Amino acid sequence: MKISDGFDARRLRPKTPSNWRSRLVLTFAALLALLGALLLLAGAASLIGHPSALGELNASPAGAMLVLVFGLLVGWLGVWMWRRRRRQMRQPLGLNMAPHLMKKHD
């Protein structure tokens, strides 16, 4: 089959995404995970018996539990963002072809 003059195979491959956005998201996710770990430690220290970790915020056991749970949630969010972005960065780049043009496998 003859290849037409206007055909360019490079158009089928997607452009590689810029790494700056991914690096910024990874940095933000790592900071969130670190902040979550610090809040988790501050809440745990307050529950154990050192309530001066965050001042008046976690002087009571209820406030300490709130800080501990908030730290756990923030840390989980940071780790989730980190893993999701790393998975997207490692995903192989396929061809930009419409699904109906692909070969049908029965």
N, C-alpha and C. Protein backbone atom coordinates (compact mmCIF):
# COMPACT_ATOMS: atom_id res chain seq x y z
N MET A 1 0.85 -1.17 0.00
CA MET A 1 0.00 0.00 0.00
C MET A 1 0.90 1.23 0.00
N LYS A 2 0.51 2.20 -0.77
CA LYS A 2 1.30 3.42 -0.89
C LYS A 2 0.98 4.38 0.25
N ILE A 3 2.02 4.96 0.84
CA ILE A 3 1.82 5.95 1.90
C ILE A 3 1.65 7.31 1.25
N SER A 4 0.61 8.00 1.65
CA SER A 4 0.35 9.31 1.05
C SER A 4 1.36 10.33 1.55
N ASP A 5 1.46 11.43 0.84
CA ASP A 5 2.45 12.46 1.17
C ASP A 5 2.12 13.17 2.48
N GLY A 6 0.86 13.27 2.84
CA GLY A 6 0.49 14.00 4.04
C GLY A 6 0.54 13.17 5.32
N PHE A 7 0.99 11.91 5.23
CA PHE A 7 0.99 11.06 6.41
C PHE A 7 2.24 11.31 7.26
N ASP A 8 2.04 11.45 8.54
CA ASP A 8 3.16 11.62 9.46
C ASP A 8 2.91 10.73 10.67
N ALA A 9 3.73 9.72 10.85
CA ALA A 9 3.52 8.76 11.94
C ALA A 9 3.71 9.39 13.31
N ARG A 10 4.43 10.50 13.39
CA ARG A 10 4.65 11.14 14.69
C ARG A 10 3.36 11.71 15.27
N ARG A 11 2.37 11.97 14.41
CA ARG A 11 1.08 12.48 14.91
C ARG A 11 0.32 11.43 15.70
N LEU A 12 0.61 10.14 15.48
CA LEU A 12 -0.09 9.09 16.21
C LEU A 12 0.40 8.98 17.65
N ARG A 13 1.62 9.38 17.91
CA ARG A 13 2.15 9.34 19.27
C ARG A 13 1.78 10.62 20.01
N PRO A 14 1.34 10.50 21.24
CA PRO A 14 1.01 11.72 21.99
C PRO A 14 2.26 12.48 22.39
N LYS A 15 2.10 13.76 22.61
CA LYS A 15 3.21 14.56 23.09
C LYS A 15 3.51 14.16 24.53
N THR A 16 4.76 14.13 24.87
CA THR A 16 5.11 13.80 26.25
C THR A 16 4.74 14.97 27.14
N PRO A 17 4.08 14.70 28.24
CA PRO A 17 3.66 15.80 29.12
C PRO A 17 4.86 16.42 29.81
N SER A 18 4.68 17.66 30.20
CA SER A 18 5.73 18.36 30.91
C SER A 18 5.87 17.80 32.32
N ASN A 19 7.09 17.66 32.77
CA ASN A 19 7.33 17.08 34.08
C ASN A 19 7.21 18.10 35.21
N TRP A 20 7.18 19.39 34.89
CA TRP A 20 7.14 20.40 35.95
C TRP A 20 5.86 20.33 36.76
N ARG A 21 4.75 20.12 36.10
CA ARG A 21 3.49 20.03 36.82
C ARG A 21 3.47 18.79 37.72
N SER A 22 3.99 17.68 37.21
CA SER A 22 4.04 16.47 38.01
C SER A 22 4.97 16.63 39.20
N ARG A 23 6.09 17.29 38.98
CA ARG A 23 7.02 17.51 40.09
C ARG A 23 6.43 18.42 41.15
N LEU A 24 5.70 19.43 40.73
CA LEU A 24 5.06 20.32 41.70
C LEU A 24 3.99 19.58 42.51
N VAL A 25 3.21 18.74 41.84
CA VAL A 25 2.19 17.97 42.54
C VAL A 25 2.84 16.98 43.50
N LEU A 26 3.94 16.35 43.07
CA LEU A 26 4.64 15.42 43.96
C LEU A 26 5.21 16.13 45.17
N THR A 27 5.75 17.33 44.98
CA THR A 27 6.28 18.10 46.10
C THR A 27 5.17 18.49 47.06
N PHE A 28 4.05 18.94 46.53
CA PHE A 28 2.91 19.30 47.37
C PHE A 28 2.39 18.09 48.14
N ALA A 29 2.32 16.95 47.47
CA ALA A 29 1.85 15.73 48.13
C ALA A 29 2.80 15.30 49.24
N ALA A 30 4.10 15.42 48.99
CA ALA A 30 5.07 15.06 50.02
C ALA A 30 4.96 16.01 51.22
N LEU A 31 4.74 17.29 50.97
CA LEU A 31 4.55 18.24 52.06
C LEU A 31 3.28 17.95 52.85
N LEU A 32 2.23 17.57 52.15
CA LEU A 32 0.99 17.19 52.84
C LEU A 32 1.20 15.96 53.72
N ALA A 33 1.91 14.98 53.20
CA ALA A 33 2.17 13.77 53.99
C ALA A 33 3.03 14.10 55.21
N LEU A 34 4.00 14.98 55.03
CA LEU A 34 4.84 15.39 56.16
C LEU A 34 4.04 16.16 57.20
N LEU A 35 3.19 17.07 56.75
CA LEU A 35 2.34 17.82 57.67
C LEU A 35 1.39 16.89 58.41
N GLY A 36 0.85 15.91 57.72
CA GLY A 36 -0.02 14.93 58.37
C GLY A 36 0.72 14.14 59.43
N ALA A 37 1.95 13.75 59.12
CA ALA A 37 2.74 13.00 60.10
C ALA A 37 3.05 13.86 61.32
N LEU A 38 3.36 15.12 61.10
CA LEU A 38 3.66 16.01 62.23
C LEU A 38 2.42 16.24 63.09
N LEU A 39 1.27 16.44 62.46
CA LEU A 39 0.03 16.61 63.24
C LEU A 39 -0.32 15.32 63.98
N LEU A 40 -0.10 14.21 63.35
CA LEU A 40 -0.36 12.92 63.99
C LEU A 40 0.52 12.75 65.23
N LEU A 41 1.80 13.10 65.11
CA LEU A 41 2.71 13.00 66.24
C LEU A 41 2.34 14.00 67.34
N ALA A 42 1.93 15.21 66.96
CA ALA A 42 1.55 16.20 67.96
C ALA A 42 0.31 15.75 68.73
N GLY A 43 -0.66 15.18 68.02
CA GLY A 43 -1.86 14.69 68.68
C GLY A 43 -1.56 13.51 69.59
N ALA A 44 -0.69 12.61 69.14
CA ALA A 44 -0.33 11.46 69.96
C ALA A 44 0.46 11.90 71.20
N ALA A 45 1.37 12.86 71.03
CA ALA A 45 2.13 13.36 72.17
C ALA A 45 1.22 14.03 73.18
N SER A 46 0.21 14.72 72.71
CA SER A 46 -0.73 15.37 73.61
C SER A 46 -1.56 14.34 74.37
N LEU A 47 -1.93 13.26 73.71
CA LEU A 47 -2.70 12.22 74.39
C LEU A 47 -1.85 11.47 75.42
N ILE A 48 -0.58 11.30 75.12
CA ILE A 48 0.31 10.58 76.03
C ILE A 48 0.55 11.40 77.30
N GLY A 49 0.64 12.71 77.18
CA GLY A 49 0.82 13.50 78.39
C GLY A 49 1.70 14.71 78.23
N HIS A 50 2.01 15.12 77.01
CA HIS A 50 2.79 16.33 76.78
C HIS A 50 1.93 17.33 76.00
N PRO A 51 1.01 18.02 76.64
CA PRO A 51 0.04 18.84 75.92
C PRO A 51 0.59 20.14 75.34
N SER A 52 1.86 20.42 75.49
CA SER A 52 2.38 21.68 74.97
C SER A 52 2.82 21.58 73.51
N ALA A 53 2.42 20.53 72.82
CA ALA A 53 2.85 20.35 71.44
C ALA A 53 2.28 21.43 70.52
N LEU A 54 1.02 21.74 70.66
CA LEU A 54 0.40 22.79 69.84
C LEU A 54 -0.23 23.89 70.68
N GLY A 55 0.16 24.02 71.91
CA GLY A 55 -0.37 25.08 72.76
C GLY A 55 -1.77 24.76 73.23
N GLU A 56 -2.64 25.75 73.13
CA GLU A 56 -4.01 25.61 73.61
C GLU A 56 -4.90 24.78 72.69
N LEU A 57 -4.43 24.53 71.47
CA LEU A 57 -5.27 23.82 70.50
C LEU A 57 -5.57 22.39 70.95
N ASN A 58 -4.58 21.72 71.50
CA ASN A 58 -4.82 20.34 71.91
C ASN A 58 -4.53 20.12 73.39
N ALA A 59 -4.94 21.05 74.23
CA ALA A 59 -4.75 20.91 75.67
C ALA A 59 -5.72 19.89 76.26
N SER A 60 -6.88 19.74 75.67
CA SER A 60 -7.87 18.77 76.15
C SER A 60 -7.75 17.47 75.36
N PRO A 61 -8.22 16.38 75.92
CA PRO A 61 -8.17 15.10 75.16
C PRO A 61 -9.01 15.13 73.89
N ALA A 62 -10.13 15.84 73.90
CA ALA A 62 -10.95 15.93 72.69
C ALA A 62 -10.23 16.70 71.59
N GLY A 63 -9.57 17.78 71.96
CA GLY A 63 -8.78 18.54 70.98
C GLY A 63 -7.61 17.73 70.45
N ALA A 64 -6.99 16.94 71.35
CA ALA A 64 -5.87 16.09 70.92
C ALA A 64 -6.35 15.02 69.94
N MET A 65 -7.51 14.45 70.20
CA MET A 65 -8.06 13.46 69.27
C MET A 65 -8.40 14.09 67.92
N LEU A 66 -8.91 15.32 67.96
CA LEU A 66 -9.23 16.02 66.73
C LEU A 66 -7.96 16.27 65.90
N VAL A 67 -6.89 16.70 66.57
CA VAL A 67 -5.62 16.92 65.87
C VAL A 67 -5.07 15.61 65.32
N LEU A 68 -5.19 14.54 66.09
CA LEU A 68 -4.70 13.23 65.66
C LEU A 68 -5.46 12.74 64.43
N VAL A 69 -6.77 12.85 64.44
CA VAL A 69 -7.59 12.41 63.30
C VAL A 69 -7.34 13.29 62.08
N PHE A 70 -7.23 14.61 62.30
CA PHE A 70 -6.95 15.52 61.19
C PHE A 70 -5.58 15.22 60.58
N GLY A 71 -4.59 14.93 61.42
CA GLY A 71 -3.27 14.57 60.93
C GLY A 71 -3.30 13.27 60.13
N LEU A 72 -4.09 12.33 60.59
CA LEU A 72 -4.23 11.06 59.86
C LEU A 72 -4.86 11.29 58.49
N LEU A 73 -5.89 12.12 58.43
CA LEU A 73 -6.55 12.39 57.16
C LEU A 73 -5.65 13.15 56.19
N VAL A 74 -4.93 14.15 56.70
CA VAL A 74 -4.03 14.93 55.84
C VAL A 74 -2.89 14.06 55.33
N GLY A 75 -2.35 13.21 56.19
CA GLY A 75 -1.29 12.29 55.76
C GLY A 75 -1.78 11.31 54.72
N TRP A 76 -3.00 10.77 54.91
CA TRP A 76 -3.57 9.85 53.94
C TRP A 76 -3.77 10.55 52.59
N LEU A 77 -4.25 11.80 52.63
CA LEU A 77 -4.45 12.55 51.38
C LEU A 77 -3.12 12.77 50.66
N GLY A 78 -2.07 13.10 51.40
CA GLY A 78 -0.76 13.30 50.78
C GLY A 78 -0.22 12.04 50.14
N VAL A 79 -0.34 10.91 50.84
CA VAL A 79 0.15 9.63 50.29
C VAL A 79 -0.69 9.23 49.09
N TRP A 80 -2.00 9.45 49.14
CA TRP A 80 -2.87 9.10 48.00
C TRP A 80 -2.51 9.93 46.77
N MET A 81 -2.29 11.25 46.97
CA MET A 81 -1.90 12.10 45.84
C MET A 81 -0.56 11.67 45.27
N TRP A 82 0.39 11.36 46.15
CA TRP A 82 1.71 10.92 45.72
C TRP A 82 1.62 9.67 44.87
N ARG A 83 0.90 8.66 45.35
CA ARG A 83 0.81 7.40 44.63
C ARG A 83 0.09 7.56 43.30
N ARG A 84 -0.97 8.37 43.28
CA ARG A 84 -1.73 8.57 42.05
C ARG A 84 -0.88 9.26 40.98
N ARG A 85 -0.14 10.30 41.38
CA ARG A 85 0.68 11.02 40.41
C ARG A 85 1.83 10.14 39.91
N ARG A 86 2.43 9.34 40.78
CA ARG A 86 3.51 8.45 40.36
C ARG A 86 2.98 7.40 39.37
N ARG A 87 1.77 6.91 39.63
CA ARG A 87 1.17 5.94 38.71
C ARG A 87 0.91 6.58 37.35
N GLN A 88 0.46 7.84 37.34
CA GLN A 88 0.22 8.51 36.07
C GLN A 88 1.52 8.79 35.33
N MET A 89 2.59 9.10 36.06
CA MET A 89 3.86 9.38 35.41
C MET A 89 4.46 8.12 34.79
N ARG A 90 4.23 6.97 35.38
CA ARG A 90 4.80 5.72 34.90
C ARG A 90 3.93 5.01 33.87
N GLN A 91 2.77 5.55 33.59
CA GLN A 91 1.85 4.92 32.65
C GLN A 91 2.43 4.99 31.24
N PRO A 92 2.42 3.87 30.51
CA PRO A 92 2.97 3.90 29.15
C PRO A 92 2.10 4.75 28.22
N LEU A 93 2.76 5.39 27.30
CA LEU A 93 2.05 6.24 26.34
C LEU A 93 1.66 5.39 25.13
N GLY A 94 0.38 5.37 24.82
CA GLY A 94 -0.11 4.57 23.70
C GLY A 94 -0.29 5.44 22.46
N LEU A 95 -0.88 4.85 21.47
CA LEU A 95 -1.16 5.58 20.23
C LEU A 95 -2.45 6.37 20.38
N ASN A 96 -2.52 7.50 19.72
CA ASN A 96 -3.72 8.33 19.71
C ASN A 96 -4.62 7.90 18.55
N MET A 97 -5.28 6.79 18.73
CA MET A 97 -6.19 6.32 17.70
C MET A 97 -7.56 6.13 18.30
N ALA A 98 -8.56 6.36 17.51
CA ALA A 98 -9.93 6.18 17.97
C ALA A 98 -10.19 4.70 18.23
N PRO A 99 -10.97 4.38 19.28
CA PRO A 99 -11.22 2.97 19.60
C PRO A 99 -11.90 2.19 18.48
N HIS A 100 -12.72 2.85 17.67
CA HIS A 100 -13.42 2.11 16.62
C HIS A 100 -12.51 1.77 15.44
N LEU A 101 -11.31 2.34 15.40
CA LEU A 101 -10.37 2.01 14.35
C LEU A 101 -9.46 0.84 14.72
N MET A 102 -9.47 0.45 15.97
CA MET A 102 -8.61 -0.63 16.44
C MET A 102 -9.17 -1.97 15.96
N LYS A 103 -8.30 -2.98 15.94
CA LYS A 103 -8.70 -4.31 15.50
C LYS A 103 -9.59 -4.94 16.57
N LYS A 104 -10.64 -5.55 16.13
CA LYS A 104 -11.59 -6.17 17.07
C LYS A 104 -11.12 -7.58 17.41
N HIS A 105 -11.04 -7.88 18.71
CA HIS A 105 -10.65 -9.21 19.18
C HIS A 105 -11.87 -9.86 19.79
N ASP A 106 -12.28 -11.01 19.24
CA ASP A 106 -13.46 -11.71 19.75
C ASP A 106 -13.10 -12.77 20.72
